[in-house]
Amino acid sequence: MDANAFGEPSAGEKNGRRGGTAGAVWLRQEPDRPRRAAPLTRERIVEVAAALLDERGIDGLTMRNLAQRLAVTSTALYWHVNTKDDVLDLALDHIFGEMPLPDVGDDWRDDVRALTFRWRAIMLRHPWAPSLIGRPMLGPNVLARTEFLQSALVRGGFTGFQLAAITRLLANYVIGAAITEATWRQAEDPEARAEARRQLLAHPDAYPTLIASGHLEDGRWNDDDLFERGIDAILAI
């Protein structure tokens, strides 16, 4: 961390923490020094940060209110994390740890399905997470699950460029599905979706295919079933 052992951070160090860089927490070499003897730990900070993110979203998380929730000073917080970006990276990796790795089975497709279903479920449980996925994903929990995904795909015969392409395709599909579903769920306004459907029905000449397919029609298609069918379509490539 950017502080002298058992001393207060300098003004320059405090200023350096304000900006931060996404993913830097995974690349920064932590100095080998004792931490203050206190119940506060990085693990505790991350747990509380994830809870705050669930309650308030990314914009609602600040280092100040995180310190208040932990009942510590901001200075004490900075002994364990340098920036808000550090907190976001750590919290994102933390929630991936809630997703148990599937057991390796006989069918690589089943392994991919199991992983992607759990991935989607975690992001729906933490709606702030999908918007952070574009950050450098170097945490141990994320990397372990990416390793599982690619090892399953390799067993399916994907290598080189094909492996990179289908990995990205699966990731983008899971993230996109989670963002779409989470947005509708957060709105908690069934009338909004019904009104969108009515707008389509009011223009049958312009949108005949959308109307026939049940686009935006609540209850016609189950989100879980749609997601599963999409994964199967990708794996059939």
C-alpha atoms as a PDB file:
ATOM      1  CA  MET A   1       0.000   0.000   0.000  1.00  0.00           C
ATOM      2  CA  ASP A   2       1.018   3.618  -0.410  1.00  0.00           C
ATOM      3  CA  ALA A   3       1.619   4.425   3.231  1.00  0.00           C
ATOM      4  CA  ASN A   4       4.506   4.277   5.628  1.00  0.00           C
ATOM      5  CA  ALA A   5       4.261   1.428   8.114  1.00  0.00           C
ATOM      6  CA  PHE A   6       2.213   2.507  11.133  1.00  0.00           C
ATOM      7  CA  GLY A   7       2.000   6.066   9.811  1.00  0.00           C
ATOM      8  CA  GLU A   8      -0.513   8.221   7.991  1.00  0.00           C
ATOM      9  CA  PRO A   9      -0.552   8.332   4.163  1.00  0.00           C
ATOM     10  CA  SER A  10       1.223  11.321   2.710  1.00  0.00           C
ATOM     11  CA  ALA A  11      -0.691  13.990   0.786  1.00  0.00           C
ATOM     12  CA  GLY A  12       0.807  12.729  -2.460  1.00  0.00           C
ATOM     13  CA  GLU A  13      -0.215   9.184  -1.670  1.00  0.00           C
ATOM     14  CA  LYS A  14      -3.769  10.269  -0.917  1.00  0.00           C
ATOM     15  CA  ASN A  15      -3.938  12.158  -4.207  1.00  0.00           C
ATOM     16  CA  GLY A  16      -2.641   9.119  -6.059  1.00  0.00           C
ATOM     17  CA  ARG A  17      -5.468   7.031  -4.671  1.00  0.00           C
ATOM     18  CA  ARG A  18      -8.196   9.271  -6.004  1.00  0.00           C
ATOM     19  CA  GLY A  19      -7.905   8.200  -9.613  1.00  0.00           C
ATOM     20  CA  GLY A  20      -7.037   4.559  -9.590  1.00  0.00           C
ATOM     21  CA  THR A  21      -6.973   2.209 -12.527  1.00  0.00           C
ATOM     22  CA  ALA A  22      -9.307  -0.684 -13.188  1.00  0.00           C
ATOM     23  CA  GLY A  23      -7.459  -3.956 -12.671  1.00  0.00           C
ATOM     24  CA  ALA A  24      -4.442  -2.379 -10.990  1.00  0.00           C
ATOM     25  CA  VAL A  25      -5.087  -4.291  -7.787  1.00  0.00           C
ATOM     26  CA  TRP A  26      -4.181  -7.538  -9.589  1.00  0.00           C
ATOM     27  CA  LEU A  27      -0.933  -6.139 -11.009  1.00  0.00           C
ATOM     28  CA  ARG A  28       0.350  -4.110  -8.083  1.00  0.00           C
ATOM     29  CA  GLN A  29       3.039  -5.762  -5.957  1.00  0.00           C
ATOM     30  CA  GLU A  30       1.999  -5.433  -2.336  1.00  0.00           C
ATOM     31  CA  PRO A  31       4.832  -4.392   0.027  1.00  0.00           C
ATOM     32  CA  ASP A  32       5.668  -6.966   2.676  1.00  0.00           C
ATOM     33  CA  ARG A  33       4.824  -5.061   5.832  1.00  0.00           C
ATOM     34  CA  PRO A  34       2.690  -5.657   8.891  1.00  0.00           C
ATOM     35  CA  ARG A  35      -0.875  -4.379   8.906  1.00  0.00           C
ATOM     36  CA  ARG A  36      -2.439  -2.617  11.818  1.00  0.00           C
ATOM     37  CA  ALA A  37      -3.662  -4.899  14.527  1.00  0.00           C
ATOM     38  CA  ALA A  38      -7.403  -4.418  14.043  1.00  0.00           C
ATOM     39  CA  PRO A  39     -10.417  -6.537  13.129  1.00  0.00           C
ATOM     40  CA  LEU A  40     -10.557  -4.816   9.747  1.00  0.00           C
ATOM     41  CA  THR A  41      -9.313  -7.039   6.910  1.00  0.00           C
ATOM     42  CA  ARG A  42      -9.371  -6.799   3.151  1.00  0.00           C
ATOM     43  CA  GLU A  43     -11.784  -9.742   3.099  1.00  0.00           C
ATOM     44  CA  ARG A  44     -14.189  -7.908   5.410  1.00  0.00           C
ATOM     45  CA  ILE A  45     -13.934  -4.750   3.310  1.00  0.00           C
ATOM     46  CA  VAL A  46     -14.797  -6.671   0.166  1.00  0.00           C
ATOM     47  CA  GLU A  47     -17.779  -8.437   1.762  1.00  0.00           C
ATOM     48  CA  VAL A  48     -19.244  -5.149   2.961  1.00  0.00           C
ATOM     49  CA  ALA A  49     -18.500  -3.451  -0.355  1.00  0.00           C
ATOM     50  CA  ALA A  50     -20.384  -6.174  -2.226  1.00  0.00           C
ATOM     51  CA  ALA A  51     -23.366  -5.691   0.082  1.00  0.00           C
ATOM     52  CA  LEU A  52     -23.274  -1.929  -0.493  1.00  0.00           C
ATOM     53  CA  LEU A  53     -23.096  -2.457  -4.233  1.00  0.00           C
ATOM     54  CA  ASP A  54     -26.153  -4.700  -4.024  1.00  0.00           C
ATOM     55  CA  GLU A  55     -28.016  -1.970  -2.153  1.00  0.00           C
ATOM     56  CA  ARG A  56     -26.862   1.170  -3.960  1.00  0.00           C
ATOM     57  CA  GLY A  57     -25.149   0.195  -7.192  1.00  0.00           C
ATOM     58  CA  ILE A  58     -21.762   1.373  -8.407  1.00  0.00           C
ATOM     59  CA  ASP A  59     -22.520   5.094  -8.185  1.00  0.00           C
ATOM     60  CA  GLY A  60     -23.748   4.630  -4.628  1.00  0.00           C
ATOM     61  CA  LEU A  61     -20.482   3.141  -3.415  1.00  0.00           C
ATOM     62  CA  THR A  62     -17.899   5.611  -2.136  1.00  0.00           C
ATOM     63  CA  MET A  63     -14.870   5.092   0.020  1.00  0.00           C
ATOM     64  CA  ARG A  64     -16.461   7.339   2.616  1.00  0.00           C
ATOM     65  CA  ASN A  65     -19.712   5.418   2.972  1.00  0.00           C
ATOM     66  CA  LEU A  66     -17.803   2.132   2.837  1.00  0.00           C
ATOM     67  CA  ALA A  67     -15.703   3.308   5.779  1.00  0.00           C
ATOM     68  CA  GLN A  68     -18.863   4.417   7.602  1.00  0.00           C
ATOM     69  CA  ARG A  69     -20.510   1.037   7.064  1.00  0.00           C
ATOM     70  CA  LEU A  70     -17.388  -0.635   8.465  1.00  0.00           C
ATOM     71  CA  ALA A  71     -17.293   1.821  11.384  1.00  0.00           C
ATOM     72  CA  VAL A  72     -13.707   2.835  10.609  1.00  0.00           C
ATOM     73  CA  THR A  73     -11.979   5.933   9.331  1.00  0.00           C
ATOM     74  CA  SER A  74     -11.125   6.359   5.672  1.00  0.00           C
ATOM     75  CA  THR A  75      -7.461   6.259   6.673  1.00  0.00           C
ATOM     76  CA  ALA A  76      -7.924   2.790   8.162  1.00  0.00           C
ATOM     77  CA  LEU A  77      -9.617   1.689   4.955  1.00  0.00           C
ATOM     78  CA  TYR A  78      -6.666   2.853   2.854  1.00  0.00           C
ATOM     79  CA  TRP A  79      -4.357   0.508   4.738  1.00  0.00           C
ATOM     80  CA  HIS A  80      -6.050  -2.346   2.903  1.00  0.00           C
ATOM     81  CA  VAL A  81      -7.199  -0.914  -0.444  1.00  0.00           C
ATOM     82  CA  ASN A  82      -5.828   1.993  -2.445  1.00  0.00           C
ATOM     83  CA  THR A  83      -8.786   3.141  -4.508  1.00  0.00           C
ATOM     84  CA  LYS A  84     -12.439   2.592  -5.299  1.00  0.00           C
ATOM     85  CA  ASP A  85     -11.273   0.780  -8.434  1.00  0.00           C
ATOM     86  CA  ASP A  86      -9.454  -1.693  -6.181  1.00  0.00           C
ATOM     87  CA  VAL A  87     -12.665  -2.248  -4.243  1.00  0.00           C
ATOM     88  CA  LEU A  88     -14.698  -2.818  -7.414  1.00  0.00           C
ATOM     89  CA  ASP A  89     -12.184  -5.294  -8.821  1.00  0.00           C
ATOM     90  CA  LEU A  90     -12.022  -7.196  -5.552  1.00  0.00           C
ATOM     91  CA  ALA A  91     -15.801  -7.214  -5.098  1.00  0.00           C
ATOM     92  CA  LEU A  92     -16.327  -8.503  -8.626  1.00  0.00           C
ATOM     93  CA  ASP A  93     -13.916 -11.364  -8.092  1.00  0.00           C
ATOM     94  CA  HIS A  94     -15.477 -12.026  -4.681  1.00  0.00           C
ATOM     95  CA  ILE A  95     -18.953 -12.663  -6.087  1.00  0.00           C
ATOM     96  CA  PHE A  96     -17.544 -15.042  -8.699  1.00  0.00           C
ATOM     97  CA  GLY A  97     -16.304 -17.048  -5.726  1.00  0.00           C
ATOM     98  CA  GLU A  98     -19.965 -17.572  -4.766  1.00  0.00           C
ATOM     99  CA  MET A  99     -20.294 -19.642  -7.945  1.00  0.00           C
ATOM    100  CA  PRO A 100     -19.034 -23.176  -7.274  1.00  0.00           C
ATOM    101  CA  LEU A 101     -17.064 -24.713 -10.091  1.00  0.00           C
ATOM    102  CA  PRO A 102     -18.996 -27.597 -11.648  1.00  0.00           C
ATOM    103  CA  ASP A 103     -17.543 -31.075 -11.503  1.00  0.00           C
ATOM    104  CA  VAL A 104     -15.914 -32.107 -14.760  1.00  0.00           C
ATOM    105  CA  GLY A 105     -18.275 -34.480 -16.528  1.00  0.00           C
ATOM    106  CA  ASP A 106     -18.193 -36.752 -19.529  1.00  0.00           C
ATOM    107  CA  ASP A 107     -19.841 -34.230 -21.883  1.00  0.00           C
ATOM    108  CA  TRP A 108     -17.979 -30.962 -22.367  1.00  0.00           C
ATOM    109  CA  ARG A 109     -21.218 -29.254 -23.433  1.00  0.00           C
ATOM    110  CA  ASP A 110     -22.833 -30.077 -20.098  1.00  0.00           C
ATOM    111  CA  ASP A 111     -19.836 -28.550 -18.330  1.00  0.00           C
ATOM    112  CA  VAL A 112     -20.168 -25.323 -20.351  1.00  0.00           C
ATOM    113  CA  ARG A 113     -23.905 -25.199 -19.678  1.00  0.00           C
ATOM    114  CA  ALA A 114     -23.401 -25.698 -15.945  1.00  0.00           C
ATOM    115  CA  LEU A 115     -20.790 -22.936 -15.742  1.00  0.00           C
ATOM    116  CA  THR A 116     -22.674 -20.390 -17.854  1.00  0.00           C
ATOM    117  CA  PHE A 117     -25.957 -20.982 -15.998  1.00  0.00           C
ATOM    118  CA  ARG A 118     -24.215 -20.327 -12.683  1.00  0.00           C
ATOM    119  CA  TRP A 119     -22.435 -17.285 -14.127  1.00  0.00           C
ATOM    120  CA  ARG A 120     -25.730 -15.758 -15.248  1.00  0.00           C
ATOM    121  CA  ALA A 121     -27.329 -16.516 -11.870  1.00  0.00           C
ATOM    122  CA  ILE A 122     -24.524 -14.736 -10.000  1.00  0.00           C
ATOM    123  CA  MET A 123     -24.839 -11.611 -12.135  1.00  0.00           C
ATOM    124  CA  LEU A 124     -28.606 -11.547 -11.696  1.00  0.00           C
ATOM    125  CA  ARG A 125     -28.062 -11.836  -7.936  1.00  0.00           C
ATOM    126  CA  HIS A 126     -25.681  -8.859  -8.131  1.00  0.00           C
ATOM    127  CA  PRO A 127     -27.106  -6.582 -10.871  1.00  0.00           C
ATOM    128  CA  TRP A 128     -24.165  -4.155 -10.679  1.00  0.00           C
ATOM    129  CA  ALA A 129     -21.737  -6.854 -11.809  1.00  0.00           C
ATOM    130  CA  PRO A 130     -22.409  -7.118 -15.580  1.00  0.00           C
ATOM    131  CA  SER A 131     -21.370  -3.525 -16.222  1.00  0.00           C
ATOM    132  CA  LEU A 132     -17.948  -4.228 -14.661  1.00  0.00           C
ATOM    133  CA  ILE A 133     -17.125  -7.302 -16.728  1.00  0.00           C
ATOM    134  CA  GLY A 134     -15.174  -5.235 -19.259  1.00  0.00           C
ATOM    135  CA  ARG A 135     -12.558  -4.487 -16.603  1.00  0.00           C
ATOM    136  CA  PRO A 136      -9.315  -6.517 -16.509  1.00  0.00           C
ATOM    137  CA  MET A 137     -10.475  -9.879 -15.142  1.00  0.00           C
ATOM    138  CA  LEU A 138      -7.388 -11.113 -13.318  1.00  0.00           C
ATOM    139  CA  GLY A 139      -8.766 -12.176  -9.956  1.00  0.00           C
ATOM    140  CA  PRO A 140      -8.256 -15.789  -8.883  1.00  0.00           C
ATOM    141  CA  ASN A 141     -11.960 -16.665  -8.842  1.00  0.00           C
ATOM    142  CA  VAL A 142     -12.584 -15.283 -12.322  1.00  0.00           C
ATOM    143  CA  LEU A 143      -9.464 -16.890 -13.755  1.00  0.00           C
ATOM    144  CA  ALA A 144     -10.346 -20.288 -12.261  1.00  0.00           C
ATOM    145  CA  ARG A 145     -13.755 -20.189 -13.933  1.00  0.00           C
ATOM    146  CA  THR A 146     -12.337 -18.986 -17.222  1.00  0.00           C
ATOM    147  CA  GLU A 147      -9.844 -21.849 -17.065  1.00  0.00           C
ATOM    148  CA  PHE A 148     -12.723 -24.274 -16.499  1.00  0.00           C
ATOM    149  CA  LEU A 149     -14.643 -22.847 -19.457  1.00  0.00           C
ATOM    150  CA  GLN A 150     -11.740 -22.990 -21.868  1.00  0.00           C
ATOM    151  CA  SER A 151     -10.658 -26.447 -20.753  1.00  0.00           C
ATOM    152  CA  ALA A 152     -14.184 -27.692 -21.509  1.00  0.00           C
ATOM    153  CA  LEU A 153     -14.098 -26.033 -24.919  1.00  0.00           C
ATOM    154  CA  VAL A 154     -10.707 -27.578 -25.676  1.00  0.00           C
ATOM    155  CA  ARG A 155     -12.217 -30.981 -24.917  1.00  0.00           C
ATOM    156  CA  GLY A 156     -14.871 -30.040 -27.464  1.00  0.00           C
ATOM    157  CA  GLY A 157     -12.186 -29.584 -30.129  1.00  0.00           C
ATOM    158  CA  PHE A 158     -11.776 -25.799 -30.064  1.00  0.00           C
ATOM    159  CA  THR A 159      -8.228 -24.458 -30.336  1.00  0.00           C
ATOM    160  CA  GLY A 160      -6.451 -21.281 -31.343  1.00  0.00           C
ATOM    161  CA  PHE A 161      -8.619 -18.607 -32.934  1.00  0.00           C
ATOM    162  CA  GLN A 162     -11.784 -20.704 -32.653  1.00  0.00           C
ATOM    163  CA  LEU A 163     -11.229 -21.123 -28.930  1.00  0.00           C
ATOM    164  CA  ALA A 164     -10.750 -17.377 -28.445  1.00  0.00           C
ATOM    165  CA  ALA A 165     -13.802 -16.589 -30.577  1.00  0.00           C
ATOM    166  CA  ILE A 166     -16.237 -18.968 -28.874  1.00  0.00           C
ATOM    167  CA  THR A 167     -14.977 -17.935 -25.429  1.00  0.00           C
ATOM    168  CA  ARG A 168     -15.780 -14.329 -26.262  1.00  0.00           C
ATOM    169  CA  LEU A 169     -19.106 -15.287 -27.841  1.00  0.00           C
ATOM    170  CA  LEU A 170     -20.190 -17.190 -24.740  1.00  0.00           C
ATOM    171  CA  ALA A 171     -19.023 -14.432 -22.403  1.00  0.00           C
ATOM    172  CA  ASN A 172     -20.799 -11.709 -24.375  1.00  0.00           C
ATOM    173  CA  TYR A 173     -23.972 -13.782 -24.541  1.00  0.00           C
ATOM    174  CA  VAL A 174     -24.027 -14.448 -20.789  1.00  0.00           C
ATOM    175  CA  ILE A 175     -23.259 -10.820 -19.919  1.00  0.00           C
ATOM    176  CA  GLY A 176     -25.798  -9.463 -22.398  1.00  0.00           C
ATOM    177  CA  ALA A 177     -28.520 -11.800 -21.131  1.00  0.00           C
ATOM    178  CA  ALA A 178     -27.802 -10.802 -17.535  1.00  0.00           C
ATOM    179  CA  ILE A 179     -27.850  -7.082 -18.319  1.00  0.00           C
ATOM    180  CA  THR A 180     -31.146  -7.338 -20.199  1.00  0.00           C
ATOM    181  CA  GLU A 181     -32.864  -9.430 -17.546  1.00  0.00           C
ATOM    182  CA  ALA A 182     -31.487  -7.386 -14.646  1.00  0.00           C
ATOM    183  CA  THR A 183     -32.643  -4.124 -16.258  1.00  0.00           C
ATOM    184  CA  TRP A 184     -36.218  -5.354 -16.599  1.00  0.00           C
ATOM    185  CA  ARG A 185     -36.219  -6.778 -13.085  1.00  0.00           C
ATOM    186  CA  GLN A 186     -34.869  -3.594 -11.524  1.00  0.00           C
ATOM    187  CA  ALA A 187     -37.567  -1.555 -13.226  1.00  0.00           C
ATOM    188  CA  GLU A 188     -40.206  -3.581 -11.354  1.00  0.00           C
ATOM    189  CA  ASP A 189     -42.842  -2.128 -13.642  1.00  0.00           C
ATOM    190  CA  PRO A 190     -44.767  -4.818 -15.528  1.00  0.00           C
ATOM    191  CA  GLU A 191     -46.841  -2.109 -17.143  1.00  0.00           C
ATOM    192  CA  ALA A 192     -43.753  -0.744 -18.925  1.00  0.00           C
ATOM    193  CA  ARG A 193     -43.205  -4.029 -20.768  1.00  0.00           C
ATOM    194  CA  ALA A 194     -46.923  -4.310 -21.527  1.00  0.00           C
ATOM    195  CA  GLU A 195     -46.877  -0.801 -22.974  1.00  0.00           C
ATOM    196  CA  ALA A 196     -43.892  -1.695 -25.144  1.00  0.00           C
ATOM    197  CA  ARG A 197     -45.826  -4.699 -26.457  1.00  0.00           C
ATOM    198  CA  ARG A 198     -48.850  -2.500 -27.171  1.00  0.00           C
ATOM    199  CA  GLN A 199     -46.637  -0.174 -29.209  1.00  0.00           C
ATOM    200  CA  LEU A 200     -45.720  -3.106 -31.437  1.00  0.00           C
ATOM    201  CA  LEU A 201     -49.305  -4.262 -31.790  1.00  0.00           C
ATOM    202  CA  ALA A 202     -50.319  -0.751 -32.821  1.00  0.00           C
ATOM    203  CA  HIS A 203     -48.094  -1.002 -35.914  1.00  0.00           C
ATOM    204  CA  PRO A 204     -48.699  -4.449 -37.416  1.00  0.00           C
ATOM    205  CA  ASP A 205     -47.545  -3.411 -40.869  1.00  0.00           C
ATOM    206  CA  ALA A 206     -44.182  -2.220 -39.565  1.00  0.00           C
ATOM    207  CA  TYR A 207     -43.468  -5.090 -37.164  1.00  0.00           C
ATOM    208  CA  PRO A 208     -45.288  -8.220 -38.396  1.00  0.00           C
ATOM    209  CA  THR A 209     -42.434 -10.593 -37.501  1.00  0.00           C
ATOM    210  CA  LEU A 210     -41.928  -9.180 -34.018  1.00  0.00           C
ATOM    211  CA  ILE A 211     -45.621  -9.443 -33.292  1.00  0.00           C
ATOM    212  CA  ALA A 212     -45.820 -13.016 -34.564  1.00  0.00           C
ATOM    213  CA  SER A 213     -42.761 -14.092 -32.561  1.00  0.00           C
ATOM    214  CA  GLY A 214     -44.149 -12.771 -29.278  1.00  0.00           C
ATOM    215  CA  HIS A 215     -41.430 -10.149 -28.882  1.00  0.00           C
ATOM    216  CA  LEU A 216     -41.824  -8.338 -25.524  1.00  0.00           C
ATOM    217  CA  GLU A 217     -44.813 -10.515 -24.643  1.00  0.00           C
ATOM    218  CA  ASP A 218     -44.613 -11.416 -20.961  1.00  0.00           C
ATOM    219  CA  GLY A 219     -45.130 -15.048 -20.171  1.00  0.00           C
ATOM    220  CA  ARG A 220     -44.734 -16.393 -23.681  1.00  0.00           C
ATOM    221  CA  TRP A 221     -41.114 -17.403 -23.259  1.00  0.00           C
ATOM    222  CA  ASN A 222     -39.334 -18.271 -20.037  1.00  0.00           C
ATOM    223  CA  ASP A 223     -36.011 -16.460 -19.534  1.00  0.00           C
ATOM    224  CA  ASP A 224     -34.275 -19.620 -18.325  1.00  0.00           C
ATOM    225  CA  ASP A 225     -35.462 -21.567 -21.360  1.00  0.00           C
ATOM    226  CA  LEU A 226     -34.417 -18.814 -23.755  1.00  0.00           C
ATOM    227  CA  PHE A 227     -30.987 -18.615 -22.160  1.00  0.00           C
ATOM    228  CA  GLU A 228     -30.492 -22.372 -22.345  1.00  0.00           C
ATOM    229  CA  ARG A 229     -31.559 -22.486 -25.993  1.00  0.00           C
ATOM    230  CA  GLY A 230     -29.103 -19.700 -26.786  1.00  0.00           C
ATOM    231  CA  ILE A 231     -26.205 -21.555 -25.153  1.00  0.00           C
ATOM    232  CA  ASP A 232     -27.129 -24.696 -27.089  1.00  0.00           C
ATOM    233  CA  ALA A 233     -27.164 -22.715 -30.333  1.00  0.00           C
ATOM    234  CA  ILE A 234     -23.665 -21.358 -29.642  1.00  0.00           C
ATOM    235  CA  LEU A 235     -22.296 -24.793 -28.762  1.00  0.00           C
ATOM    236  CA  ALA A 236     -23.734 -26.244 -31.953  1.00  0.00           C
ATOM    237  CA  ILE A 237     -21.495 -24.012 -34.076  1.00  0.00           C
END
